[in-house]
Protein backbone atom coordinates (compact mmCIF):
# COMPACT_ATOMS: atom_id res chain seq x y z
CA MET A 1 219.84 -141.86 157.07
CA ALA A 2 218.20 -138.39 157.15
CA GLU A 3 214.47 -137.72 157.35
CA LEU A 4 214.09 -137.14 153.61
CA GLY A 5 216.34 -140.00 152.55
CA PHE A 6 219.35 -137.79 151.66
CA ASN A 7 222.92 -137.95 152.80
CA GLU A 8 224.29 -135.19 154.97
CA HIS A 9 225.64 -133.09 152.10
CA HIS A 10 222.40 -133.17 150.11
CA GLN A 11 220.35 -132.52 153.24
CA ASN A 12 222.40 -129.38 153.87
CA GLU A 13 221.78 -128.28 150.30
CA VAL A 14 218.01 -128.77 150.78
CA ILE A 15 218.14 -126.78 154.01
CA ASN A 16 219.95 -123.94 152.25
CA TYR A 17 217.32 -123.87 149.54
CA MET A 18 214.50 -123.92 152.12
CA ARG A 19 216.18 -121.05 153.95
CA PHE A 20 216.33 -119.12 150.67
CA ALA A 21 212.66 -119.88 149.93
CA ARG A 22 211.60 -118.89 153.46
CA SER A 23 213.41 -115.56 153.17
CA LYS A 24 211.76 -114.83 149.82
CA ARG A 25 208.36 -115.89 151.19
CA ALA A 26 208.77 -113.72 154.28
CA LEU A 27 209.74 -110.76 152.13
CA ARG A 28 206.70 -111.23 149.90
CA LEU A 29 204.37 -111.56 152.94
CA LYS A 30 205.77 -108.33 154.31
CA THR A 31 204.99 -106.73 150.97
CA ILE A 32 201.40 -107.99 151.13
CA ASP A 33 201.10 -106.77 154.72
CA SER A 34 202.36 -103.38 153.64
CA CYS A 35 199.69 -103.31 150.91
CA PHE A 36 196.97 -103.75 153.57
CA GLN A 37 198.65 -101.27 155.86
CA ASP A 38 198.87 -98.69 153.08
CA LEU A 39 195.18 -99.16 152.41
CA LYS A 40 194.38 -98.66 156.08
CA ASP A 41 196.58 -95.57 156.35
CA SER A 42 195.50 -93.90 153.13
CA ARG A 43 191.83 -94.81 152.69
CA LEU A 44 190.38 -95.88 156.03
CA VAL A 45 190.34 -92.40 157.56
CA GLU A 46 186.58 -91.92 157.71
CA GLU A 47 184.06 -93.60 159.95
CA THR A 48 181.54 -94.56 157.29
CA PHE A 49 181.94 -95.69 153.66
CA THR A 50 179.49 -96.42 150.95
CA VAL A 51 179.26 -99.76 149.20
CA ASP A 52 180.85 -98.34 146.07
CA GLU A 53 183.77 -96.94 148.03
CA LEU A 54 184.33 -100.25 149.82
CA THR A 55 184.07 -102.12 146.50
CA GLU A 56 186.60 -99.76 144.94
CA MET A 57 189.05 -100.16 147.85
CA LEU A 58 188.72 -103.96 147.87
CA ASP A 59 189.14 -104.16 144.10
CA GLY A 60 192.30 -102.08 144.28
CA LEU A 61 193.62 -104.17 147.17
CA GLN A 62 192.74 -107.34 145.26
CA ALA A 63 194.66 -106.13 142.18
CA VAL A 64 197.71 -105.24 144.25
CA VAL A 65 197.69 -108.52 146.22
CA ARG A 66 197.03 -110.51 143.05
CA GLY A 67 200.00 -108.86 141.34
CA GLU A 68 202.28 -109.55 144.31
CA VAL A 69 201.21 -113.19 144.57
CA GLU A 70 201.50 -113.71 140.82
CA THR A 71 204.96 -112.14 140.81
CA GLU A 72 206.02 -114.39 143.67
CA LEU A 73 204.66 -117.53 141.98
CA ILE A 74 206.38 -116.66 138.69
CA ASN A 75 209.62 -115.89 140.50
CA THR A 76 209.38 -119.19 142.42
CA ALA A 77 208.83 -121.15 139.20
CA HIS A 78 211.79 -119.45 137.53
CA THR A 79 213.93 -120.03 140.63
CA ASN A 80 213.07 -123.72 140.54
CA VAL A 81 214.04 -123.84 136.87
CA LEU A 82 217.43 -122.31 137.70
CA LEU A 83 217.87 -124.88 140.48
CA LEU A 84 217.05 -127.71 138.06
CA ARG A 85 219.48 -126.15 135.58
CA GLN A 86 222.31 -126.40 138.10
CA LEU A 87 221.48 -130.03 138.88
CA PHE A 88 221.16 -131.03 135.21
CA SER A 89 224.40 -129.24 134.29
CA GLN A 90 226.31 -131.13 136.98
CA ALA A 91 224.71 -134.41 135.87
CA GLU A 92 225.60 -133.83 132.20
CA LYS A 93 229.27 -133.42 133.11
CA PHE A 94 229.19 -137.08 134.16
CA TYR A 95 226.98 -138.11 131.19
CA LEU A 96 223.97 -138.74 133.43
CA LYS A 97 220.33 -138.26 132.40
CA LEU A 98 218.10 -137.22 135.28
CA GLN A 99 214.33 -137.74 135.22
CA THR A 100 211.55 -135.94 137.08
CA ASP A 101 208.06 -137.13 138.05
CA VAL A 102 205.73 -134.12 138.10
CA SER A 103 202.94 -136.17 139.68
CA GLU A 104 205.03 -136.54 142.85
CA LEU A 105 204.93 -132.76 143.31
CA GLU A 106 201.28 -133.08 144.44
CA ASN A 107 201.84 -136.03 146.74
CA ARG A 108 200.24 -134.86 149.99
CA GLU A 109 202.12 -137.35 152.11
CA LEU A 110 205.47 -136.23 150.78
CA LEU A 111 204.47 -132.56 151.04
CA GLU A 112 203.51 -133.06 154.70
CA GLN A 113 206.81 -134.86 155.25
CA VAL A 114 208.69 -131.92 153.78
CA ALA A 115 206.66 -129.52 155.90
CA GLU A 116 207.46 -131.48 159.04
CA PHE A 117 211.12 -131.60 158.05
CA GLU A 118 211.19 -127.83 157.51
CA LYS A 119 209.35 -127.17 160.75
CA ALA A 120 211.68 -129.39 162.76
CA GLU A 121 214.84 -128.20 161.05
CA PHE A 122 214.20 -124.49 161.33
CA LYS A 123 212.88 -124.86 164.83
CA THR A 124 216.23 -126.40 165.76
CA THR A 125 218.03 -123.70 163.80
CA ASN A 126 216.16 -120.94 165.59
CA LYS A 127 217.08 -122.50 168.93
CA LYS A 128 220.73 -122.62 167.94
CA THR A 129 220.54 -119.00 166.81
CA ASN A 130 218.96 -117.91 170.07
CA GLN A 131 221.55 -119.79 172.07
CA GLU A 132 224.38 -118.21 170.12
CA SER A 133 222.82 -114.78 170.52
CA ASN A 134 222.45 -115.40 174.26
CA LYS A 135 226.07 -116.42 174.50
CA HIS A 136 227.09 -113.22 172.77
CA LYS A 137 224.87 -111.25 175.11
CA LEU A 138 226.35 -112.92 178.18
CA ALA A 139 229.91 -112.13 177.08
CA PRO A 140 229.84 -109.05 174.86
CA LEU A 141 233.02 -107.62 173.42
CA ASN A 142 233.92 -104.11 174.42
CA GLU A 143 235.29 -101.55 172.06
CA GLY A 144 238.85 -102.18 173.19
CA GLY A 145 238.55 -105.87 172.46
CA VAL A 146 237.18 -105.19 168.97
CA SER A 147 239.98 -102.73 168.24
CA GLU A 148 242.53 -105.21 169.49
CA LEU A 149 241.12 -107.94 167.27
CA LEU A 150 241.07 -105.60 164.31
CA ASN A 151 244.64 -104.53 164.97
CA LYS A 152 245.73 -108.16 165.22
CA GLU A 153 243.96 -108.99 161.96
CA ILE A 154 245.52 -105.96 160.24
CA ALA A 155 248.96 -106.94 161.53
CA ARG A 156 248.44 -110.51 160.33
CA LEU A 157 247.35 -109.27 156.92
CA GLN A 158 250.33 -106.91 156.71
CA GLU A 159 252.66 -109.74 157.64
CA GLU A 160 251.12 -111.96 154.92
CA ASN A 161 251.40 -109.05 152.51
CA ASP A 162 255.09 -108.60 153.32
CA LYS A 163 255.64 -112.33 152.86
CA LEU A 164 253.88 -112.20 149.52
CA LYS A 165 255.94 -109.19 148.45
CA SER A 166 259.15 -110.95 149.47
CA ARG A 167 258.07 -114.07 147.59
CA LEU A 168 257.17 -111.94 144.58
CA ARG A 169 260.62 -110.31 144.61
CA THR A 170 262.22 -113.76 144.86
CA ILE A 171 260.13 -115.01 141.94
CA GLU A 172 260.98 -111.89 139.91
CA SER A 173 264.68 -112.43 140.64
CA GLN A 174 264.40 -116.08 139.64
CA ALA A 175 262.52 -115.09 136.48
CA THR A 176 265.21 -112.50 135.61
CA SER A 177 267.93 -115.10 136.18
CA ALA A 178 266.02 -117.59 134.07
CA LEU A 179 265.67 -115.03 131.27
CA ASP A 180 269.40 -114.27 131.42
CA GLU A 181 270.15 -117.99 131.39
CA LYS A 182 267.80 -118.40 128.45
CA SER A 183 269.55 -115.58 126.56
CA LYS A 184 272.94 -117.16 127.23
CA VAL A 185 271.73 -120.56 126.11
CA GLU A 186 270.20 -119.09 122.95
CA GLN A 187 273.46 -117.25 122.16
CA ALA A 188 275.49 -120.41 122.81
CA LEU A 189 273.10 -122.33 120.59
CA LYS A 190 273.48 -119.75 117.83
CA ASP A 191 277.29 -119.91 118.14
CA LEU A 192 277.20 -123.70 118.08
CA GLN A 193 274.94 -123.66 115.04
CA LYS A 194 277.33 -121.21 113.35
CA VAL A 195 280.34 -123.44 114.12
CA GLN A 196 278.46 -126.49 112.94
CA GLY A 197 277.49 -124.63 109.78
CA ASP A 198 281.14 -123.69 109.10
CA GLN A 199 282.23 -127.28 109.77
CA GLN A 200 279.51 -128.63 107.50
CA ARG A 201 280.50 -126.21 104.75
CA ALA A 202 284.19 -127.23 105.13
CA LEU A 203 283.24 -130.91 105.03
CA ARG A 204 281.09 -130.30 101.97
CA SER A 205 283.97 -128.50 100.26
CA GLN A 206 286.32 -131.40 101.05
CA GLU A 207 283.76 -133.91 99.82
CA ILE A 208 283.23 -131.92 96.61
CA SER A 209 286.99 -131.71 96.00
CA SER A 210 287.37 -135.44 96.65
CA LEU A 211 284.50 -136.20 94.28
CA GLU A 212 286.01 -133.95 91.61
CA ASP A 213 289.38 -135.72 91.94
CA THR A 214 287.66 -139.10 91.73
CA VAL A 215 285.72 -138.04 88.63
CA ALA A 216 288.89 -136.72 86.97
CA LYS A 217 290.72 -139.97 87.75
CA LEU A 218 287.88 -142.05 86.38
CA LYS A 219 287.79 -139.87 83.27
CA ALA A 220 291.53 -140.37 82.70
CA ASP A 221 291.21 -144.14 83.24
CA PHE A 222 288.35 -144.20 80.78
CA GLN A 223 290.38 -142.30 78.19
CA ASN A 224 293.30 -144.73 78.65
CA THR A 225 290.99 -147.70 78.41
CA LEU A 226 289.34 -146.23 75.34
CA SER A 227 292.73 -145.67 73.63
CA THR A 228 293.89 -149.19 74.49
CA SER A 229 290.63 -150.61 73.24
CA THR A 230 290.95 -148.68 69.95
CA ALA A 231 294.50 -150.00 69.38
CA THR A 232 293.47 -153.53 70.24
CA GLN A 233 290.49 -153.30 67.90
CA LYS A 234 292.74 -152.14 65.05
CA ASP A 235 295.15 -155.03 65.68
CA LEU A 236 292.26 -157.47 65.70
CA GLN A 237 290.97 -156.11 62.42
CA ASP A 238 294.41 -156.46 60.82
CA ASN A 239 294.74 -160.00 62.16
CA LEU A 240 291.28 -160.82 60.84
CA VAL A 241 292.11 -159.57 57.35
CA THR A 242 295.35 -161.59 57.38
CA ALA A 243 293.48 -164.67 58.57
CA LYS A 244 290.92 -164.26 55.77
CA HIS A 245 293.67 -164.05 53.18
CA ASP A 246 295.36 -167.14 54.61
CA LEU A 247 292.02 -168.97 54.57
CA LEU A 248 291.39 -168.11 50.92
CA ARG A 249 294.89 -169.24 50.02
CA VAL A 250 294.43 -172.52 51.89
CA GLN A 251 291.05 -173.06 50.22
CA GLU A 252 292.60 -172.48 46.82
CA GLN A 253 295.36 -174.94 47.60
CA LEU A 254 292.82 -177.52 48.77
CA SER A 255 290.80 -177.06 45.62
CA GLN A 256 293.91 -177.56 43.45
CA ALA A 257 294.87 -180.62 45.48
CA GLU A 258 291.39 -182.13 45.05
CA LYS A 259 291.49 -181.57 41.33
CA GLU A 260 294.90 -183.17 41.08
CA LEU A 261 293.77 -186.12 43.21
CA GLU A 262 290.67 -186.60 41.07
CA LYS A 263 292.73 -186.42 37.93
CA LYS A 264 295.22 -188.97 39.29
CA PHE A 265 292.38 -191.23 40.44
CA GLN A 266 290.76 -191.18 36.99
CA GLN A 267 294.01 -192.32 35.46
CA THR A 268 294.24 -195.48 37.63
CA ALA A 269 293.13 -198.99 36.42
CA ALA A 270 290.72 -199.46 39.25
CA TYR A 271 288.91 -196.27 38.30
CA ARG A 272 288.69 -197.44 34.65
CA ASN A 273 287.36 -200.89 35.69
CA MET A 274 284.86 -199.35 38.03
CA LYS A 275 283.75 -197.02 35.28
CA GLU A 276 283.23 -199.89 32.86
CA ILE A 277 281.27 -201.88 35.44
CA LEU A 278 279.08 -198.85 36.12
CA THR A 279 278.51 -198.38 32.41
CA LYS A 280 277.45 -202.05 31.97
CA LYS A 281 275.17 -201.86 34.99
CA ASN A 282 273.56 -198.74 33.58
CA GLU A 283 272.94 -200.47 30.25
CA GLN A 284 271.43 -203.50 32.06
CA ILE A 285 269.17 -201.24 34.03
CA LYS A 286 268.04 -199.52 30.85
CA GLU A 287 267.31 -202.94 29.23
CA ILE A 288 265.31 -204.08 32.25
CA ARG A 289 263.31 -200.86 32.20
CA LYS A 290 262.49 -201.40 28.51
CA ARG A 291 261.26 -204.92 29.26
CA LEU A 292 259.18 -203.72 32.14
CA GLN A 293 257.60 -201.08 29.97
CA LYS A 294 256.80 -203.72 27.36
CA TYR A 295 255.15 -206.01 29.94
CA GLU A 296 253.12 -203.12 31.36
CA SER A 297 251.89 -202.21 27.84
CA ASP A 298 250.83 -205.91 27.18
CA GLU A 299 248.82 -205.98 30.38
């Protein structure tokens, strides 16, 4: 666990930002120092000054220093906003919502902790820098060594360049072959489509001819069936008329036979006896009805 509670990666990021802030701060302090030095060089050339002259010089120096400090504070605030923008943009890519606590920015304990961390970190960094510089001073490279290294680097770069050129030529050759292959395939596809189109047209022509023959055959069968049906219908009509005539003749014969039978039956003795009995019964019924009417009138 690092001093500020970060992992190694985040601690390195903080150190990089501190290094950036220190460089900006050092540059601004040099600017302020130059403002004082300019005042000393340009105005402090006499041995005695009046109060008004000193007031004028201090007011001018105050304005310049104030402007420099204000510019640095504004630039620092804007730089911090850009830093927060980077962090928030990365968080939004993962749908995270970061929060800040402005009150913690004035926490003296944390500020002292950060100051101690910066002091310790850059003290160690300065030591490492001095050691590296000492190592370079103990074993400096001569001009021949630098030229040799440069020549080796140039040769390595030329070799990589040649390899890249060779690879590029190979890729171009492969691309040309692929384009030729593509053209051949497209032409073969067009030829195949043309052949398929001719075959489809031939098949369609055969199908159309077959359908036409089938339609003609069906039409002829229909005509034959229609003619046969017409002849059969005519025969049926003739047979029907003949049957009607035969039926009328049979009915006439039956009617004549019934009349003859009735006439023969009326001439028999049984018919005459039955007729007399029916006549007597009718007369009796009439007599009974008269009596009944008489009784009904008496009541």
